[in-house]
């Protein structure tokens, strides 16, 4: 009799499995966020120099091609303006927080087709070193939005530029 009470009090392995499967069925299923797209991307952005905000502030459009792999990447950007610019940057993504990913960039920008003090056109106008901090957010597996703040220091000077710029950018990137 005593053995019967002990056996009845201890649930069998089958009963435990059924309880666990019932608990799993009741728990809400949480889906993992879409993994970050890696590889080639094409982006468009608008940027403005916040040190020069005023009545003549201009929004500078830019088109970029990027390549991202794991935590590293690179970006080549063409600035579409009166004196076009070409920018090359390396990019580092230290962490990923679901759909949001902060980044840091280091690079340089060169401007072409500017005029010197006498008004004569020059091939290479100004060159700047650049550091940026930003964040991008993946909306779909193929669409990302981003914003960043960058500091640029001009190494070669032209009357058109102050020695320093602080740029704010917003943009979107598509991954084919």
N, C-alpha and C. Protein backbone atom coordinates (compact mmCIF):
# COMPACT_ATOMS: atom_id res chain seq x y z
N UNK A 1 0.81 -1.18 0.00
CA UNK A 1 0.00 0.00 0.00
C UNK A 1 0.86 1.25 0.00
N UNK A 2 1.86 1.22 0.82
CA UNK A 2 2.75 2.34 0.93
C UNK A 2 3.45 2.59 -0.40
N UNK A 3 3.86 1.55 -1.10
CA UNK A 3 4.50 1.64 -2.41
C UNK A 3 3.54 2.24 -3.44
N UNK A 4 2.26 1.89 -3.37
CA UNK A 4 1.26 2.40 -4.28
C UNK A 4 1.12 3.92 -4.13
N UNK A 5 1.13 4.46 -2.93
CA UNK A 5 1.00 5.90 -2.70
C UNK A 5 2.21 6.66 -3.23
N UNK A 6 3.40 6.09 -3.07
CA UNK A 6 4.60 6.75 -3.57
C UNK A 6 4.59 6.77 -5.09
N UNK A 7 4.23 5.67 -5.72
CA UNK A 7 4.18 5.61 -7.18
C UNK A 7 3.12 6.55 -7.75
N UNK A 8 2.00 6.68 -7.08
CA UNK A 8 0.93 7.55 -7.55
C UNK A 8 1.32 9.02 -7.42
N UNK A 9 2.14 9.36 -6.43
CA UNK A 9 2.52 10.75 -6.20
C UNK A 9 3.59 11.22 -7.18
N UNK A 10 4.43 10.34 -7.71
CA UNK A 10 5.51 10.71 -8.63
C UNK A 10 4.96 10.67 -10.06
N UNK A 11 4.96 11.80 -10.77
CA UNK A 11 4.43 11.78 -12.14
C UNK A 11 5.37 11.01 -13.06
N UNK A 12 4.81 10.43 -14.04
CA UNK A 12 5.60 9.67 -15.00
C UNK A 12 6.26 10.62 -15.99
N UNK A 13 7.24 10.13 -16.73
CA UNK A 13 7.94 10.94 -17.73
C UNK A 13 6.98 11.40 -18.82
N UNK A 14 6.04 10.56 -19.18
CA UNK A 14 5.06 10.91 -20.20
C UNK A 14 4.19 12.08 -19.74
N UNK A 15 3.80 12.08 -18.47
CA UNK A 15 2.96 13.16 -17.94
C UNK A 15 3.74 14.47 -17.93
N UNK A 16 5.03 14.42 -17.60
CA UNK A 16 5.85 15.62 -17.59
C UNK A 16 5.99 16.19 -19.00
N UNK A 17 6.18 15.34 -20.00
CA UNK A 17 6.28 15.80 -21.39
C UNK A 17 5.00 16.49 -21.83
N UNK A 18 3.87 15.92 -21.44
CA UNK A 18 2.58 16.53 -21.83
C UNK A 18 2.41 17.89 -21.18
N UNK A 19 2.84 18.06 -19.92
CA UNK A 19 2.74 19.35 -19.25
C UNK A 19 3.63 20.38 -19.95
N UNK A 20 4.85 19.97 -20.31
CA UNK A 20 5.76 20.88 -20.98
C UNK A 20 5.25 21.30 -22.34
N UNK A 21 4.69 20.38 -23.11
CA UNK A 21 4.15 20.73 -24.43
C UNK A 21 2.93 21.64 -24.30
N UNK A 22 2.12 21.46 -23.25
CA UNK A 22 0.97 22.33 -23.02
C UNK A 22 1.45 23.74 -22.66
N UNK A 23 2.50 23.84 -21.84
CA UNK A 23 3.04 25.15 -21.48
C UNK A 23 3.63 25.84 -22.70
N UNK A 24 4.31 25.10 -23.56
CA UNK A 24 4.91 25.67 -24.77
C UNK A 24 3.84 26.17 -25.72
N UNK A 25 2.72 25.47 -25.81
CA UNK A 25 1.64 25.87 -26.70
C UNK A 25 0.99 27.16 -26.22
N UNK A 26 0.93 27.38 -24.89
CA UNK A 26 0.31 28.58 -24.34
C UNK A 26 1.23 29.80 -24.42
N UNK A 27 2.56 29.61 -24.41
CA UNK A 27 3.50 30.72 -24.44
C UNK A 27 3.46 31.40 -25.81
N UNK A 28 3.46 32.74 -25.84
CA UNK A 28 3.46 33.43 -27.13
C UNK A 28 4.78 33.18 -27.86
N UNK A 29 4.68 33.04 -29.16
CA UNK A 29 5.87 32.81 -29.98
C UNK A 29 6.48 34.15 -30.35
N UNK A 30 7.75 34.34 -30.03
CA UNK A 30 8.46 35.57 -30.36
C UNK A 30 9.33 35.28 -31.57
N UNK A 31 9.13 36.05 -32.62
CA UNK A 31 9.94 35.82 -33.82
C UNK A 31 11.21 36.66 -33.75
N UNK A 32 12.28 36.12 -34.26
CA UNK A 32 13.55 36.83 -34.31
C UNK A 32 13.42 37.95 -35.33
N UNK A 33 14.09 39.10 -35.07
CA UNK A 33 14.05 40.16 -36.08
C UNK A 33 14.77 39.71 -37.34
N UNK A 34 14.43 40.36 -38.43
CA UNK A 34 15.09 40.05 -39.71
C UNK A 34 16.58 40.26 -39.55
N UNK A 35 17.39 39.30 -39.95
CA UNK A 35 18.84 39.50 -39.83
C UNK A 35 19.29 40.65 -40.72
N UNK A 36 20.36 41.34 -40.28
CA UNK A 36 20.86 42.48 -41.03
C UNK A 36 21.38 42.04 -42.38
N UNK A 37 21.00 42.78 -43.37
CA UNK A 37 21.43 42.51 -44.73
C UNK A 37 22.91 42.86 -44.85
N UNK A 38 23.67 42.00 -45.47
CA UNK A 38 25.09 42.24 -45.69
C UNK A 38 25.35 42.21 -47.18
N UNK A 39 26.40 42.90 -47.59
CA UNK A 39 26.75 42.94 -49.00
C UNK A 39 26.62 44.33 -49.56
N UNK A 40 26.32 44.40 -50.83
CA UNK A 40 26.28 45.64 -51.59
C UNK A 40 24.98 46.41 -51.33
N UNK A 41 25.09 47.73 -51.20
CA UNK A 41 23.93 48.58 -51.02
C UNK A 41 24.10 49.88 -51.77
N UNK A 42 22.99 50.52 -52.12
CA UNK A 42 22.99 51.81 -52.81
C UNK A 42 22.14 52.76 -51.98
N UNK A 43 22.65 53.96 -51.72
CA UNK A 43 21.92 54.88 -50.86
C UNK A 43 21.86 56.28 -51.43
N UNK A 44 20.90 57.05 -50.93
CA UNK A 44 20.79 58.48 -51.22
C UNK A 44 20.65 59.19 -49.89
N UNK A 45 21.20 60.38 -49.82
CA UNK A 45 21.15 61.15 -48.59
C UNK A 45 21.11 62.63 -48.90
N UNK A 46 20.69 63.39 -47.92
CA UNK A 46 20.79 64.84 -47.95
C UNK A 46 21.58 65.25 -46.72
N UNK A 47 22.50 66.18 -46.88
CA UNK A 47 23.27 66.63 -45.72
C UNK A 47 23.36 68.14 -45.72
N UNK A 48 23.49 68.68 -44.51
CA UNK A 48 23.57 70.12 -44.34
C UNK A 48 24.66 70.42 -43.31
N UNK A 49 25.40 71.49 -43.54
CA UNK A 49 26.44 71.92 -42.61
C UNK A 49 25.78 72.76 -41.52
N UNK A 50 25.72 72.24 -40.30
CA UNK A 50 25.01 72.94 -39.23
C UNK A 50 25.79 74.14 -38.71
N UNK A 51 27.09 74.26 -39.02
CA UNK A 51 27.84 75.46 -38.63
C UNK A 51 27.48 76.65 -39.52
N UNK A 52 26.89 76.37 -40.67
CA UNK A 52 26.55 77.43 -41.62
C UNK A 52 25.04 77.59 -41.78
N UNK A 53 24.28 77.24 -40.78
CA UNK A 53 22.83 77.41 -40.88
C UNK A 53 22.51 78.89 -40.99
N UNK A 54 21.65 79.22 -41.90
CA UNK A 54 21.29 80.62 -42.12
C UNK A 54 20.42 80.73 -43.35
N UNK A 55 20.23 81.93 -43.86
CA UNK A 55 19.34 82.10 -45.01
C UNK A 55 19.87 81.43 -46.29
N UNK A 56 21.17 81.18 -46.38
CA UNK A 56 21.72 80.56 -47.59
C UNK A 56 22.10 79.10 -47.37
N UNK A 57 21.57 78.48 -46.35
CA UNK A 57 21.88 77.07 -46.10
C UNK A 57 21.41 76.23 -47.26
N UNK A 58 22.32 75.37 -47.74
CA UNK A 58 21.92 74.51 -48.84
C UNK A 58 21.98 73.05 -48.42
N UNK A 59 21.02 72.30 -48.90
CA UNK A 59 20.97 70.87 -48.69
C UNK A 59 21.78 70.23 -49.81
N UNK A 60 22.76 69.42 -49.43
CA UNK A 60 23.63 68.79 -50.43
C UNK A 60 23.17 67.36 -50.65
N UNK A 61 22.71 67.04 -51.85
CA UNK A 61 22.32 65.65 -52.13
C UNK A 61 23.56 64.80 -52.39
N UNK A 62 23.46 63.52 -52.06
CA UNK A 62 24.58 62.61 -52.26
C UNK A 62 24.06 61.23 -52.61
N UNK A 63 24.84 60.51 -53.40
CA UNK A 63 24.53 59.13 -53.80
C UNK A 63 25.72 58.28 -53.37
N UNK A 64 25.44 57.12 -52.76
CA UNK A 64 26.55 56.29 -52.26
C UNK A 64 26.37 54.83 -52.63
N UNK A 65 27.50 54.15 -52.66
CA UNK A 65 27.55 52.71 -52.83
C UNK A 65 28.30 52.18 -51.62
N UNK A 66 27.73 51.16 -50.96
CA UNK A 66 28.36 50.64 -49.76
C UNK A 66 28.49 49.13 -49.84
N UNK A 67 29.40 48.62 -49.04
CA UNK A 67 29.55 47.18 -48.90
C UNK A 67 29.72 46.91 -47.41
N UNK A 68 28.88 46.06 -46.86
CA UNK A 68 28.91 45.73 -45.44
C UNK A 68 29.09 44.24 -45.27
N UNK A 69 29.98 43.90 -44.35
CA UNK A 69 30.18 42.49 -44.00
C UNK A 69 30.42 42.41 -42.50
N UNK A 70 29.52 41.71 -41.80
CA UNK A 70 29.61 41.55 -40.35
C UNK A 70 29.64 42.93 -39.69
N UNK A 71 30.74 43.28 -39.01
CA UNK A 71 30.82 44.55 -38.29
C UNK A 71 31.57 45.64 -39.06
N UNK A 72 32.09 45.31 -40.24
CA UNK A 72 32.87 46.28 -41.01
C UNK A 72 32.21 46.59 -42.34
N UNK A 73 32.58 47.73 -42.90
CA UNK A 73 32.05 48.09 -44.21
C UNK A 73 32.82 49.25 -44.80
N UNK A 74 32.47 49.61 -46.00
CA UNK A 74 33.06 50.74 -46.68
C UNK A 74 32.00 51.46 -47.50
N UNK A 75 32.17 52.76 -47.66
CA UNK A 75 31.19 53.57 -48.38
C UNK A 75 31.92 54.53 -49.32
N UNK A 76 31.49 54.59 -50.58
CA UNK A 76 31.97 55.57 -51.54
C UNK A 76 30.77 56.45 -51.90
N UNK A 77 30.94 57.77 -51.76
CA UNK A 77 29.83 58.71 -51.93
C UNK A 77 30.21 59.80 -52.93
N UNK A 78 29.26 60.14 -53.79
CA UNK A 78 29.41 61.28 -54.70
C UNK A 78 28.48 62.37 -54.20
N UNK A 79 29.06 63.56 -53.91
CA UNK A 79 28.27 64.72 -53.49
C UNK A 79 27.90 65.51 -54.73
N UNK A 80 26.61 65.69 -54.94
CA UNK A 80 26.10 66.33 -56.16
C UNK A 80 25.85 67.80 -55.84
N UNK A 81 26.80 68.65 -56.27
CA UNK A 81 26.70 70.09 -56.03
C UNK A 81 27.49 70.83 -57.08
N UNK A 82 27.57 72.15 -56.95
CA UNK A 82 28.29 72.99 -57.92
C UNK A 82 29.72 72.51 -58.12
N UNK A 83 30.43 72.25 -57.03
CA UNK A 83 31.77 71.65 -57.09
C UNK A 83 31.62 70.23 -56.56
N UNK A 84 31.46 69.24 -57.43
CA UNK A 84 31.17 67.88 -56.96
C UNK A 84 32.26 67.35 -56.03
N UNK A 85 31.85 66.47 -55.15
CA UNK A 85 32.78 65.88 -54.21
C UNK A 85 32.75 64.36 -54.27
N UNK A 86 33.84 63.76 -53.85
CA UNK A 86 33.95 62.31 -53.76
C UNK A 86 34.43 61.98 -52.35
N UNK A 87 33.72 61.08 -51.69
CA UNK A 87 34.04 60.73 -50.30
C UNK A 87 34.27 59.22 -50.21
N UNK A 88 35.28 58.83 -49.46
CA UNK A 88 35.55 57.42 -49.20
C UNK A 88 35.66 57.25 -47.68
N UNK A 89 34.94 56.24 -47.15
CA UNK A 89 34.92 56.03 -45.70
C UNK A 89 34.95 54.55 -45.37
N UNK A 90 35.59 54.24 -44.26
CA UNK A 90 35.48 52.93 -43.65
C UNK A 90 34.43 53.00 -42.56
N UNK A 91 33.71 51.91 -42.34
CA UNK A 91 32.60 51.92 -41.39
C UNK A 91 32.73 50.75 -40.43
N UNK A 92 32.41 51.00 -39.15
CA UNK A 92 32.47 49.98 -38.11
C UNK A 92 31.14 49.96 -37.36
N UNK A 93 30.54 48.78 -37.23
CA UNK A 93 29.29 48.58 -36.49
C UNK A 93 29.64 47.81 -35.22
N UNK A 94 29.82 48.47 -34.07
CA UNK A 94 30.25 47.76 -32.87
C UNK A 94 29.21 46.79 -32.32
N UNK A 95 27.93 47.16 -32.41
CA UNK A 95 26.87 46.31 -31.86
C UNK A 95 25.63 46.39 -32.75
N UNK A 96 24.78 45.40 -32.59
CA UNK A 96 23.49 45.40 -33.26
C UNK A 96 22.42 45.23 -32.20
N UNK A 97 21.45 46.13 -32.19
CA UNK A 97 20.37 46.11 -31.22
C UNK A 97 19.05 45.85 -31.95
N UNK A 98 18.83 44.61 -32.37
CA UNK A 98 17.63 44.27 -33.12
C UNK A 98 17.66 44.91 -34.49
N UNK A 99 16.73 45.82 -34.75
CA UNK A 99 16.64 46.49 -36.05
C UNK A 99 17.49 47.76 -36.11
N UNK A 100 18.14 48.13 -35.01
CA UNK A 100 18.92 49.36 -34.95
C UNK A 100 20.40 49.00 -34.81
N UNK A 101 21.24 49.75 -35.54
CA UNK A 101 22.68 49.45 -35.51
C UNK A 101 23.47 50.77 -35.54
N UNK A 102 24.13 51.14 -34.43
CA UNK A 102 24.98 52.33 -34.45
C UNK A 102 26.25 52.06 -35.25
N UNK A 103 26.86 53.13 -35.77
CA UNK A 103 28.09 52.97 -36.54
C UNK A 103 29.02 54.16 -36.34
N UNK A 104 30.28 53.94 -36.67
CA UNK A 104 31.30 54.99 -36.69
C UNK A 104 32.00 54.90 -38.04
N UNK A 105 32.32 56.06 -38.59
CA UNK A 105 33.00 56.11 -39.89
C UNK A 105 34.21 57.03 -39.83
N UNK A 106 35.24 56.66 -40.58
CA UNK A 106 36.42 57.50 -40.78
C UNK A 106 36.71 57.55 -42.27
N UNK A 107 37.06 58.74 -42.77
CA UNK A 107 37.34 58.83 -44.19
C UNK A 107 37.82 60.20 -44.60
N UNK A 108 37.70 60.47 -45.90
CA UNK A 108 38.13 61.74 -46.47
C UNK A 108 37.17 62.14 -47.59
N UNK A 109 37.09 63.45 -47.82
CA UNK A 109 36.27 64.00 -48.90
C UNK A 109 37.15 64.90 -49.76
N UNK A 110 37.03 64.80 -51.07
CA UNK A 110 37.74 65.67 -52.00
C UNK A 110 36.71 66.35 -52.90
N UNK A 111 36.90 67.66 -53.14
CA UNK A 111 36.02 68.43 -54.01
C UNK A 111 36.78 68.79 -55.28
N UNK A 112 36.08 68.70 -56.42
CA UNK A 112 36.69 68.90 -57.73
C UNK A 112 36.02 70.06 -58.46
N UNK A 113 36.74 70.65 -59.42
CA UNK A 113 36.16 71.67 -60.29
C UNK A 113 35.87 72.98 -59.60
N UNK A 114 36.58 73.29 -58.52
CA UNK A 114 36.38 74.57 -57.84
C UNK A 114 37.21 75.65 -58.52
N UNK A 115 36.95 76.88 -58.15
CA UNK A 115 37.73 78.01 -58.68
C UNK A 115 38.64 78.53 -57.57
N UNK A 116 39.82 78.95 -57.96
CA UNK A 116 40.75 79.51 -56.97
C UNK A 116 40.42 80.98 -56.72
N UNK A 117 41.28 81.67 -55.96
CA UNK A 117 41.02 83.06 -55.58
C UNK A 117 40.92 83.99 -56.79
N UNK A 118 41.61 83.66 -57.90
CA UNK A 118 41.57 84.49 -59.10
C UNK A 118 40.42 84.09 -60.03
N UNK A 119 39.65 83.08 -59.69
CA UNK A 119 38.53 82.65 -60.50
C UNK A 119 38.86 81.59 -61.53
N UNK A 120 40.09 81.10 -61.52
CA UNK A 120 40.49 80.06 -62.48
C UNK A 120 40.08 78.69 -61.94
N UNK A 121 39.51 77.84 -62.79
CA UNK A 121 39.10 76.52 -62.31
C UNK A 121 40.31 75.64 -61.99
N UNK A 122 40.17 74.85 -60.94
CA UNK A 122 41.21 73.89 -60.54
C UNK A 122 40.60 72.50 -60.56
N UNK A 123 41.45 71.50 -60.83
CA UNK A 123 40.95 70.12 -60.85
C UNK A 123 40.59 69.67 -59.44
N UNK A 124 41.54 69.75 -58.53
CA UNK A 124 41.30 69.34 -57.14
C UNK A 124 41.22 70.59 -56.29
N UNK A 125 40.05 70.79 -55.70
CA UNK A 125 39.83 71.99 -54.89
C UNK A 125 40.25 71.79 -53.45
N UNK A 126 39.40 71.23 -52.64
CA UNK A 126 39.64 71.06 -51.22
C UNK A 126 39.60 69.59 -50.84
N UNK A 127 40.34 69.25 -49.78
CA UNK A 127 40.35 67.89 -49.25
C UNK A 127 40.14 67.98 -47.75
N UNK A 128 39.30 67.10 -47.22
CA UNK A 128 39.05 67.11 -45.78
C UNK A 128 39.14 65.71 -45.20
N UNK A 129 39.56 65.64 -43.94
CA UNK A 129 39.46 64.41 -43.16
C UNK A 129 38.11 64.41 -42.47
N UNK A 130 37.57 63.25 -42.19
CA UNK A 130 36.19 63.17 -41.73
C UNK A 130 36.01 62.06 -40.71
N UNK A 131 35.21 62.32 -39.68
CA UNK A 131 34.80 61.31 -38.70
C UNK A 131 33.30 61.48 -38.47
N UNK A 132 32.57 60.36 -38.43
CA UNK A 132 31.11 60.43 -38.28
C UNK A 132 30.63 59.38 -37.29
N UNK A 133 29.55 59.72 -36.59
CA UNK A 133 28.83 58.78 -35.73
C UNK A 133 27.39 58.79 -36.18
N UNK A 134 26.78 57.61 -36.29
CA UNK A 134 25.40 57.55 -36.74
C UNK A 134 24.71 56.28 -36.32
N UNK A 135 23.50 56.15 -36.80
CA UNK A 135 22.70 54.97 -36.52
C UNK A 135 21.87 54.66 -37.75
N UNK A 136 21.75 53.37 -38.05
CA UNK A 136 20.84 52.99 -39.13
C UNK A 136 19.81 52.02 -38.59
N UNK A 137 18.65 52.02 -39.24
CA UNK A 137 17.53 51.19 -38.82
C UNK A 137 17.03 50.41 -40.03
N UNK A 138 16.98 49.10 -39.89
CA UNK A 138 16.52 48.25 -40.99
C UNK A 138 15.00 48.13 -40.91
N UNK A 139 14.33 48.65 -41.94
CA UNK A 139 12.86 48.60 -41.99
C UNK A 139 12.37 47.29 -42.60
N UNK A 140 13.04 46.84 -43.66
CA UNK A 140 12.75 45.58 -44.32
C UNK A 140 14.09 44.94 -44.66
N UNK A 141 14.10 43.70 -45.14
CA UNK A 141 15.40 43.12 -45.52
C UNK A 141 16.13 43.89 -46.62
N UNK A 142 15.41 44.75 -47.35
CA UNK A 142 16.02 45.48 -48.46
C UNK A 142 16.05 46.99 -48.27
N UNK A 143 15.54 47.53 -47.16
CA UNK A 143 15.45 48.98 -46.97
C UNK A 143 15.94 49.37 -45.58
N UNK A 144 16.86 50.33 -45.56
CA UNK A 144 17.43 50.84 -44.31
C UNK A 144 17.37 52.36 -44.35
N UNK A 145 17.05 53.00 -43.22
CA UNK A 145 17.14 54.44 -43.07
C UNK A 145 18.29 54.74 -42.11
N UNK A 146 18.93 55.90 -42.27
CA UNK A 146 20.05 56.22 -41.41
C UNK A 146 20.15 57.72 -41.18
N UNK A 147 20.84 58.07 -40.09
CA UNK A 147 21.13 59.46 -39.75
C UNK A 147 22.52 59.49 -39.12
N UNK A 148 23.27 60.54 -39.44
CA UNK A 148 24.57 60.67 -38.78
C UNK A 148 24.99 62.13 -38.65
N UNK A 149 25.95 62.34 -37.77
CA UNK A 149 26.60 63.63 -37.56
C UNK A 149 28.06 63.43 -37.86
N UNK A 150 28.66 64.33 -38.61
CA UNK A 150 30.06 64.19 -39.00
C UNK A 150 30.82 65.49 -38.77
N UNK A 151 32.07 65.33 -38.43
CA UNK A 151 32.99 66.46 -38.31
C UNK A 151 34.00 66.35 -39.44
N UNK A 152 34.17 67.45 -40.18
CA UNK A 152 35.17 67.48 -41.26
C UNK A 152 36.13 68.62 -41.00
N UNK A 153 37.41 68.32 -41.19
CA UNK A 153 38.45 69.34 -41.08
C UNK A 153 39.16 69.41 -42.43
N UNK A 154 39.15 70.59 -43.03
CA UNK A 154 39.74 70.76 -44.36
C UNK A 154 41.26 70.87 -44.27
N UNK A 155 41.93 70.00 -45.00
CA UNK A 155 43.40 69.95 -45.00
C UNK A 155 43.97 70.93 -46.01
N UNK A 156 43.29 71.09 -47.15
CA UNK A 156 43.65 72.13 -48.12
C UNK A 156 42.50 73.11 -48.11
N UNK A 157 42.83 74.37 -48.11
CA UNK A 157 41.79 75.37 -47.91
C UNK A 157 41.49 76.14 -49.17
N UNK A 158 40.26 76.56 -49.23
CA UNK A 158 39.76 77.37 -50.32
C UNK A 158 38.87 78.41 -49.67
N UNK A 159 38.70 79.55 -50.28
CA UNK A 159 37.85 80.60 -49.71
C UNK A 159 36.40 80.15 -49.56
N UNK A 160 36.00 79.13 -50.30
CA UNK A 160 34.61 78.66 -50.24
C UNK A 160 34.30 77.92 -48.94
N UNK A 161 35.33 77.45 -48.24
CA UNK A 161 35.11 76.60 -47.08
C UNK A 161 35.75 77.18 -45.83
N UNK A 162 35.08 76.98 -44.73
CA UNK A 162 35.70 77.25 -43.45
C UNK A 162 36.62 76.07 -43.14
N UNK A 163 37.54 76.22 -42.20
CA UNK A 163 38.45 75.09 -41.92
C UNK A 163 37.73 73.88 -41.31
N UNK A 164 36.53 74.09 -40.76
CA UNK A 164 35.80 73.00 -40.11
C UNK A 164 34.34 73.00 -40.54
N UNK A 165 33.78 71.80 -40.56
CA UNK A 165 32.34 71.65 -40.85
C UNK A 165 31.77 70.60 -39.92
N UNK A 166 30.52 70.78 -39.55
CA UNK A 166 29.77 69.76 -38.83
C UNK A 166 28.53 69.48 -39.68
N UNK A 167 28.44 68.27 -40.18
CA UNK A 167 27.38 67.91 -41.13
C UNK A 167 26.37 66.98 -40.48
N UNK A 168 25.10 67.22 -40.75
CA UNK A 168 24.02 66.34 -40.32
C UNK A 168 23.42 65.73 -41.58
N UNK A 169 23.26 64.40 -41.59
CA UNK A 169 22.77 63.70 -42.79
C UNK A 169 21.60 62.79 -42.45
N UNK A 170 20.67 62.69 -43.39
CA UNK A 170 19.57 61.71 -43.35
C UNK A 170 19.52 61.02 -44.69
N UNK A 171 19.24 59.71 -44.69
CA UNK A 171 19.18 59.02 -45.96
C UNK A 171 18.53 57.65 -45.88
N UNK A 172 18.45 57.01 -47.04
CA UNK A 172 17.92 55.65 -47.17
C UNK A 172 18.90 54.84 -48.00
N UNK A 173 18.93 53.53 -47.73
CA UNK A 173 19.78 52.63 -48.52
C UNK A 173 18.95 51.42 -48.94
N UNK A 174 19.18 50.97 -50.16
CA UNK A 174 18.52 49.78 -50.70
C UNK A 174 19.57 48.69 -50.91
N UNK A 175 19.19 47.48 -50.55
CA UNK A 175 20.07 46.33 -50.76
C UNK A 175 19.41 45.43 -51.80
N UNK A 176 20.01 45.32 -52.99
CA UNK A 176 19.37 44.50 -54.03
C UNK A 176 19.37 43.02 -53.69
